[in-house]
PDB file of N, CA and C in Angstrom:
ATOM      1  N   MET A   1       0.843  -1.170   0.000  1.00  0.00           N
ATOM      2  CA  MET A   1       0.000   0.000   0.000  1.00  0.00           C
ATOM      3  C   MET A   1       0.896   1.244   0.000  1.00  0.00           C
ATOM      4  N   THR A   2       0.550   2.193  -0.828  1.00  0.00           N
ATOM      5  CA  THR A   2       1.334   3.426  -0.911  1.00  0.00           C
ATOM      6  C   THR A   2       0.953   4.361   0.242  1.00  0.00           C
ATOM      7  N   ASP A   3       1.814   5.336   0.496  1.00  0.00           N
ATOM      8  CA  ASP A   3       1.528   6.300   1.556  1.00  0.00           C
ATOM      9  C   ASP A   3       0.226   7.073   1.313  1.00  0.00           C
ATOM     10  N   PRO A   4      -0.040   7.540   0.082  1.00  0.00           N
ATOM     11  CA  PRO A   4      -1.319   8.228  -0.138  1.00  0.00           C
ATOM     12  C   PRO A   4      -2.532   7.324   0.123  1.00  0.00           C
ATOM     13  N   GLU A   5      -2.423   6.055  -0.216  1.00  0.00           N
ATOM     14  CA  GLU A   5      -3.522   5.120   0.052  1.00  0.00           C
ATOM     15  C   GLU A   5      -3.699   4.915   1.556  1.00  0.00           C
ATOM     16  N   LEU A   6      -2.594   4.750   2.261  1.00  0.00           N
ATOM     17  CA  LEU A   6      -2.631   4.576   3.707  1.00  0.00           C
ATOM     18  C   LEU A   6      -3.245   5.799   4.379  1.00  0.00           C
ATOM     19  N   ARG A   7      -2.828   6.956   3.934  1.00  0.00           N
ATOM     20  CA  ARG A   7      -3.352   8.219   4.476  1.00  0.00           C
ATOM     21  C   ARG A   7      -4.860   8.320   4.243  1.00  0.00           C
ATOM     22  N   ALA A   8      -5.273   8.020   3.029  1.00  0.00           N
ATOM     23  CA  ALA A   8      -6.696   8.112   2.683  1.00  0.00           C
ATOM     24  C   ALA A   8      -7.529   7.104   3.468  1.00  0.00           C
ATOM     25  N   GLN A   9      -7.052   5.879   3.587  1.00  0.00           N
ATOM     26  CA  GLN A   9      -7.797   4.863   4.322  1.00  0.00           C
ATOM     27  C   GLN A   9      -7.877   5.189   5.808  1.00  0.00           C
ATOM     28  N   SER A  10      -6.784   5.665   6.374  1.00  0.00           N
ATOM     29  CA  SER A  10      -6.772   6.037   7.791  1.00  0.00           C
ATOM     30  C   SER A  10      -7.743   7.192   8.045  1.00  0.00           C
ATOM     31  N   PHE A  11      -7.716   8.172   7.147  1.00  0.00           N
ATOM     32  CA  PHE A  11      -8.641   9.300   7.265  1.00  0.00           C
ATOM     33  C   PHE A  11     -10.092   8.827   7.176  1.00  0.00           C
ATOM     34  N   GLU A  12     -10.378   7.970   6.218  1.00  0.00           N
ATOM     35  CA  GLU A  12     -11.743   7.490   6.015  1.00  0.00           C
ATOM     36  C   GLU A  12     -12.271   6.761   7.250  1.00  0.00           C
ATOM     37  N   ILE A  13     -11.440   5.937   7.852  1.00  0.00           N
ATOM     38  CA  ILE A  13     -11.847   5.224   9.064  1.00  0.00           C
ATOM     39  C   ILE A  13     -12.167   6.214  10.177  1.00  0.00           C
ATOM     40  N   ALA A  14     -11.267   7.160  10.396  1.00  0.00           N
ATOM     41  CA  ALA A  14     -11.470   8.150  11.453  1.00  0.00           C
ATOM     42  C   ALA A  14     -12.711   8.993  11.178  1.00  0.00           C
ATOM     43  N   TRP A  15     -12.847   9.462   9.955  1.00  0.00           N
ATOM     44  CA  TRP A  15     -13.967  10.338   9.598  1.00  0.00           C
ATOM     45  C   TRP A  15     -15.299   9.613   9.777  1.00  0.00           C
ATOM     46  N   LYS A  16     -15.397   8.394   9.273  1.00  0.00           N
ATOM     47  CA  LYS A  16     -16.654   7.648   9.387  1.00  0.00           C
ATOM     48  C   LYS A  16     -17.025   7.420  10.844  1.00  0.00           C
ATOM     49  N   TYR A  17     -16.042   7.060  11.652  1.00  0.00           N
ATOM     50  CA  TYR A  17     -16.322   6.833  13.071  1.00  0.00           C
ATOM     51  C   TYR A  17     -16.823   8.110  13.732  1.00  0.00           C
ATOM     52  N   LEU A  18     -16.108   9.197  13.542  1.00  0.00           N
ATOM     53  CA  LEU A  18     -16.493  10.455  14.176  1.00  0.00           C
ATOM     54  C   LEU A  18     -17.852  10.948  13.675  1.00  0.00           C
ATOM     55  N   ASP A  19     -18.097  10.774  12.390  1.00  0.00           N
ATOM     56  CA  ASP A  19     -19.369  11.206  11.813  1.00  0.00           C
ATOM     57  C   ASP A  19     -20.524  10.368  12.354  1.00  0.00           C
ATOM     58  N   GLN A  20     -20.375   9.057  12.335  1.00  0.00           N
ATOM     59  CA  GLN A  20     -21.447   8.173  12.784  1.00  0.00           C
ATOM     60  C   GLN A  20     -21.700   8.271  14.283  1.00  0.00           C
ATOM     61  N   SER A  21     -20.686   8.629  15.035  1.00  0.00           N
ATOM     62  CA  SER A  21     -20.859   8.748  16.485  1.00  0.00           C
ATOM     63  C   SER A  21     -21.371  10.132  16.889  1.00  0.00           C
ATOM     64  N   GLY A  22     -21.476  11.043  15.923  1.00  0.00           N
ATOM     65  CA  GLY A  22     -21.975  12.381  16.206  1.00  0.00           C
ATOM     66  C   GLY A  22     -20.942  13.301  16.846  1.00  0.00           C
ATOM     67  N   LEU A  23     -19.670  12.925  16.775  1.00  0.00           N
ATOM     68  CA  LEU A  23     -18.617  13.716  17.407  1.00  0.00           C
ATOM     69  C   LEU A  23     -18.049  14.807  16.507  1.00  0.00           C
ATOM     70  N   LEU A  24     -18.349  14.776  15.219  1.00  0.00           N
ATOM     71  CA  LEU A  24     -17.857  15.818  14.318  1.00  0.00           C
ATOM     72  C   LEU A  24     -18.589  17.122  14.621  1.00  0.00           C
ATOM     73  N   THR A  25     -17.826  18.147  14.921  1.00  0.00           N
ATOM     74  CA  THR A  25     -18.421  19.438  15.241  1.00  0.00           C
ATOM     75  C   THR A  25     -17.751  20.520  14.406  1.00  0.00           C
ATOM     76  N   GLY A  26     -18.408  21.640  14.290  1.00  0.00           N
ATOM     77  CA  GLY A  26     -17.833  22.762  13.559  1.00  0.00           C
ATOM     78  C   GLY A  26     -17.792  22.522  12.062  1.00  0.00           C
ATOM     79  N   GLU A  27     -16.952  23.288  11.416  1.00  0.00           N
ATOM     80  CA  GLU A  27     -16.830  23.211   9.964  1.00  0.00           C
ATOM     81  C   GLU A  27     -16.090  21.928   9.565  1.00  0.00           C
ATOM     82  N   HIS A  28     -16.648  21.206   8.622  1.00  0.00           N
ATOM     83  CA  HIS A  28     -16.057  19.933   8.211  1.00  0.00           C
ATOM     84  C   HIS A  28     -14.671  20.091   7.603  1.00  0.00           C
ATOM     85  N   LYS A  29     -14.441  21.197   6.917  1.00  0.00           N
ATOM     86  CA  LYS A  29     -13.124  21.414   6.309  1.00  0.00           C
ATOM     87  C   LYS A  29     -12.048  21.521   7.390  1.00  0.00           C
ATOM     88  N   ALA A  30     -12.329  22.235   8.443  1.00  0.00           N
ATOM     89  CA  ALA A  30     -11.374  22.383   9.546  1.00  0.00           C
ATOM     90  C   ALA A  30     -11.180  21.059  10.275  1.00  0.00           C
ATOM     91  N   SER A  31     -12.258  20.309  10.438  1.00  0.00           N
ATOM     92  CA  SER A  31     -12.164  19.002  11.086  1.00  0.00           C
ATOM     93  C   SER A  31     -11.317  18.049  10.256  1.00  0.00           C
ATOM     94  N   ALA A  32     -11.534  18.049   8.947  1.00  0.00           N
ATOM     95  CA  ALA A  32     -10.748  17.184   8.057  1.00  0.00           C
ATOM     96  C   ALA A  32      -9.277  17.551   8.109  1.00  0.00           C
ATOM     97  N   ARG A  33      -8.998  18.845   8.116  1.00  0.00           N
ATOM     98  CA  ARG A  33      -7.616  19.317   8.190  1.00  0.00           C
ATOM     99  C   ARG A  33      -6.950  18.868   9.498  1.00  0.00           C
ATOM    100  N   PHE A  34      -7.683  18.941  10.601  1.00  0.00           N
ATOM    101  CA  PHE A  34      -7.167  18.517  11.894  1.00  0.00           C
ATOM    102  C   PHE A  34      -6.831  17.023  11.894  1.00  0.00           C
ATOM    103  N   ILE A  35      -7.751  16.210  11.391  1.00  0.00           N
ATOM    104  CA  ILE A  35      -7.550  14.756  11.352  1.00  0.00           C
ATOM    105  C   ILE A  35      -6.367  14.400  10.457  1.00  0.00           C
ATOM    106  N   LEU A  36      -6.304  14.997   9.272  1.00  0.00           N
ATOM    107  CA  LEU A  36      -5.200  14.707   8.353  1.00  0.00           C
ATOM    108  C   LEU A  36      -3.862  15.164   8.917  1.00  0.00           C
ATOM    109  N   ASN A  37      -3.864  16.271   9.632  1.00  0.00           N
ATOM    110  CA  ASN A  37      -2.630  16.765  10.242  1.00  0.00           C
ATOM    111  C   ASN A  37      -2.085  15.736  11.226  1.00  0.00           C
ATOM    112  N   ARG A  38      -2.961  15.187  12.041  1.00  0.00           N
ATOM    113  CA  ARG A  38      -2.533  14.175  13.021  1.00  0.00           C
ATOM    114  C   ARG A  38      -1.984  12.933  12.315  1.00  0.00           C
ATOM    115  N   ILE A  39      -2.677  12.470  11.289  1.00  0.00           N
ATOM    116  CA  ILE A  39      -2.231  11.301  10.533  1.00  0.00           C
ATOM    117  C   ILE A  39      -0.890  11.584   9.864  1.00  0.00           C
ATOM    118  N   ASP A  40      -0.773  12.745   9.257  1.00  0.00           N
ATOM    119  CA  ASP A  40       0.477  13.113   8.570  1.00  0.00           C
ATOM    120  C   ASP A  40       1.663  13.159   9.524  1.00  0.00           C
ATOM    121  N   ARG A  41       1.467  13.749  10.696  1.00  0.00           N
ATOM    122  CA  ARG A  41       2.571  13.834  11.665  1.00  0.00           C
ATOM    123  C   ARG A  41       3.039  12.451  12.091  1.00  0.00           C
ATOM    124  N   MET A  42       2.112  11.546  12.290  1.00  0.00           N
ATOM    125  CA  MET A  42       2.495  10.189  12.693  1.00  0.00           C
ATOM    126  C   MET A  42       3.198   9.451  11.553  1.00  0.00           C
ATOM    127  N   MET A  43       2.724   9.669  10.334  1.00  0.00           N
ATOM    128  CA  MET A  43       3.362   9.026   9.186  1.00  0.00           C
ATOM    129  C   MET A  43       4.781   9.553   8.981  1.00  0.00           C
ATOM    130  N   LEU A  44       4.989  10.835   9.234  1.00  0.00           N
ATOM    131  CA  LEU A  44       6.329  11.403   9.118  1.00  0.00           C
ATOM    132  C   LEU A  44       7.300  10.783  10.127  1.00  0.00           C
ATOM    133  N   ARG A  45       6.763  10.326  11.249  1.00  0.00           N
ATOM    134  CA  ARG A  45       7.594   9.647  12.249  1.00  0.00           C
ATOM    135  C   ARG A  45       7.758   8.162  11.945  1.00  0.00           C
ATOM    136  N   GLY A  46       7.137   7.694  10.851  1.00  0.00           N
ATOM    137  CA  GLY A  46       7.341   6.317  10.416  1.00  0.00           C
ATOM    138  C   GLY A  46       6.209   5.352  10.700  1.00  0.00           C
ATOM    139  N   GLU A  47       5.120   5.827  11.271  1.00  0.00           N
ATOM    140  CA  GLU A  47       4.003   4.929  11.576  1.00  0.00           C
ATOM    141  C   GLU A  47       3.296   4.524  10.284  1.00  0.00           C
ATOM    142  N   ARG A  48       3.030   3.230  10.132  1.00  0.00           N
ATOM    143  CA  ARG A  48       2.369   2.733   8.934  1.00  0.00           C
ATOM    144  C   ARG A  48       1.196   1.804   9.245  1.00  0.00           C
ATOM    145  N   ARG A  49       0.821   1.697  10.506  1.00  0.00           N
ATOM    146  CA  ARG A  49      -0.327   0.860  10.871  1.00  0.00           C
ATOM    147  C   ARG A  49      -1.598   1.681  10.759  1.00  0.00           C
ATOM    148  N   ARG A  50      -2.440   1.265   9.825  1.00  0.00           N
ATOM    149  CA  ARG A  50      -3.639   2.027   9.482  1.00  0.00           C
ATOM    150  C   ARG A  50      -4.557   2.274  10.675  1.00  0.00           C
ATOM    151  N   LEU A  51      -4.836   1.253  11.457  1.00  0.00           N
ATOM    152  CA  LEU A  51      -5.750   1.431  12.581  1.00  0.00           C
ATOM    153  C   LEU A  51      -5.142   2.289  13.683  1.00  0.00           C
ATOM    154  N   LEU A  52      -3.858   2.190  13.876  1.00  0.00           N
ATOM    155  CA  LEU A  52      -3.215   3.049  14.865  1.00  0.00           C
ATOM    156  C   LEU A  52      -3.295   4.511  14.426  1.00  0.00           C
ATOM    157  N   LEU A  53      -3.073   4.753  13.143  1.00  0.00           N
ATOM    158  CA  LEU A  53      -3.183   6.112  12.617  1.00  0.00           C
ATOM    159  C   LEU A  53      -4.590   6.664  12.798  1.00  0.00           C
ATOM    160  N   SER A  54      -5.591   5.880  12.430  1.00  0.00           N
ATOM    161  CA  SER A  54      -6.971   6.360  12.523  1.00  0.00           C
ATOM    162  C   SER A  54      -7.412   6.512  13.976  1.00  0.00           C
ATOM    163  N   ASN A  55      -7.038   5.575  14.840  1.00  0.00           N
ATOM    164  CA  ASN A  55      -7.433   5.680  16.246  1.00  0.00           C
ATOM    165  C   ASN A  55      -6.766   6.858  16.940  1.00  0.00           C
ATOM    166  N   ALA A  56      -5.520   7.118  16.618  1.00  0.00           N
ATOM    167  CA  ALA A  56      -4.828   8.267  17.204  1.00  0.00           C
ATOM    168  C   ALA A  56      -5.486   9.569  16.750  1.00  0.00           C
ATOM    169  N   ALA A  57      -5.896   9.631  15.491  1.00  0.00           N
ATOM    170  CA  ALA A  57      -6.582  10.821  14.979  1.00  0.00           C
ATOM    171  C   ALA A  57      -7.929  11.007  15.678  1.00  0.00           C
ATOM    172  N   ILE A  58      -8.636   9.917  15.901  1.00  0.00           N
ATOM    173  CA  ILE A  58      -9.921   9.975  16.611  1.00  0.00           C
ATOM    174  C   ILE A  58      -9.709  10.484  18.033  1.00  0.00           C
ATOM    175  N   ASP A  59      -8.737   9.916  18.724  1.00  0.00           N
ATOM    176  CA  ASP A  59      -8.460  10.340  20.097  1.00  0.00           C
ATOM    177  C   ASP A  59      -8.064  11.810  20.162  1.00  0.00           C
ATOM    178  N   ALA A  60      -7.218  12.238  19.249  1.00  0.00           N
ATOM    179  CA  ALA A  60      -6.797  13.644  19.224  1.00  0.00           C
ATOM    180  C   ALA A  60      -7.991  14.555  18.959  1.00  0.00           C
ATOM    181  N   TYR A  61      -8.875  14.139  18.062  1.00  0.00           N
ATOM    182  CA  TYR A  61     -10.045  14.954  17.755  1.00  0.00           C
ATOM    183  C   TYR A  61     -10.978  15.038  18.958  1.00  0.00           C
ATOM    184  N   ARG A  62     -11.148  13.925  19.657  1.00  0.00           N
ATOM    185  CA  ARG A  62     -12.001  13.919  20.850  1.00  0.00           C
ATOM    186  C   ARG A  62     -11.458  14.870  21.916  1.00  0.00           C
ATOM    187  N   LEU A  63     -10.157  14.943  22.051  1.00  0.00           N
ATOM    188  CA  LEU A  63      -9.543  15.795  23.059  1.00  0.00           C
ATOM    189  C   LEU A  63      -9.447  17.253  22.628  1.00  0.00           C
ATOM    190  N   ARG A  64      -9.653  17.506  21.352  1.00  0.00           N
ATOM    191  CA  ARG A  64      -9.498  18.856  20.805  1.00  0.00           C
ATOM    192  C   ARG A  64     -10.321  19.910  21.542  1.00  0.00           C
ATOM    193  N   PRO A  65     -11.605  19.697  21.824  1.00  0.00           N
ATOM    194  CA  PRO A  65     -12.359  20.734  22.537  1.00  0.00           C
ATOM    195  C   PRO A  65     -11.772  21.022  23.920  1.00  0.00           C
ATOM    196  N   LEU A  66     -11.280  20.009  24.608  1.00  0.00           N
ATOM    197  CA  LEU A  66     -10.686  20.177  25.913  1.00  0.00           C
ATOM    198  C   LEU A  66      -9.420  21.024  25.815  1.00  0.00           C
ATOM    199  N   VAL A  67      -8.585  20.740  24.827  1.00  0.00           N
ATOM    200  CA  VAL A  67      -7.354  21.492  24.636  1.00  0.00           C
ATOM    201  C   VAL A  67      -7.666  22.942  24.302  1.00  0.00           C
ATOM    202  N   VAL A  68      -8.634  23.174  23.430  1.00  0.00           N
ATOM    203  CA  VAL A  68      -9.011  24.528  23.044  1.00  0.00           C
ATOM    204  C   VAL A  68      -9.547  25.281  24.259  1.00  0.00           C
ATOM    205  N   THR A  69     -10.346  24.617  25.080  1.00  0.00           N
ATOM    206  CA  THR A  69     -10.913  25.241  26.268  1.00  0.00           C
ATOM    207  C   THR A  69      -9.835  25.617  27.263  1.00  0.00           C
ATOM    208  N   LEU A  70      -8.856  24.736  27.455  1.00  0.00           N
ATOM    209  CA  LEU A  70      -7.804  24.997  28.425  1.00  0.00           C
ATOM    210  C   LEU A  70      -6.886  26.131  27.981  1.00  0.00           C
ATOM    211  N   ASN A  71      -6.708  26.288  26.680  1.00  0.00           N
ATOM    212  CA  ASN A  71      -5.823  27.328  26.160  1.00  0.00           C
ATOM    213  C   ASN A  71      -6.536  28.670  25.994  1.00  0.00           C
ATOM    214  N   ALA A  72      -7.822  28.685  26.123  1.00  0.00           N
ATOM    215  CA  ALA A  72      -8.576  29.924  25.882  1.00  0.00           C
ATOM    216  C   ALA A  72      -8.416  30.917  27.008  1.00  0.00           C
TER     217      ALA A  72
END
């Protein structure tokens, strides 16, 4: 599997989970950018496990409102 395929599949898993669980909030473009950023950073460090990439993106997205609140 190529890196673009891995990235796309990891994103799709994370997006579907967050969407179906009702956790996607705000503008979808910003949410997509946030999820892809997390996946990209992990891939740059060498991670290639699709489920780990998607689960880490989900966890980071779930914590995002808390982080934003604490920094406000």
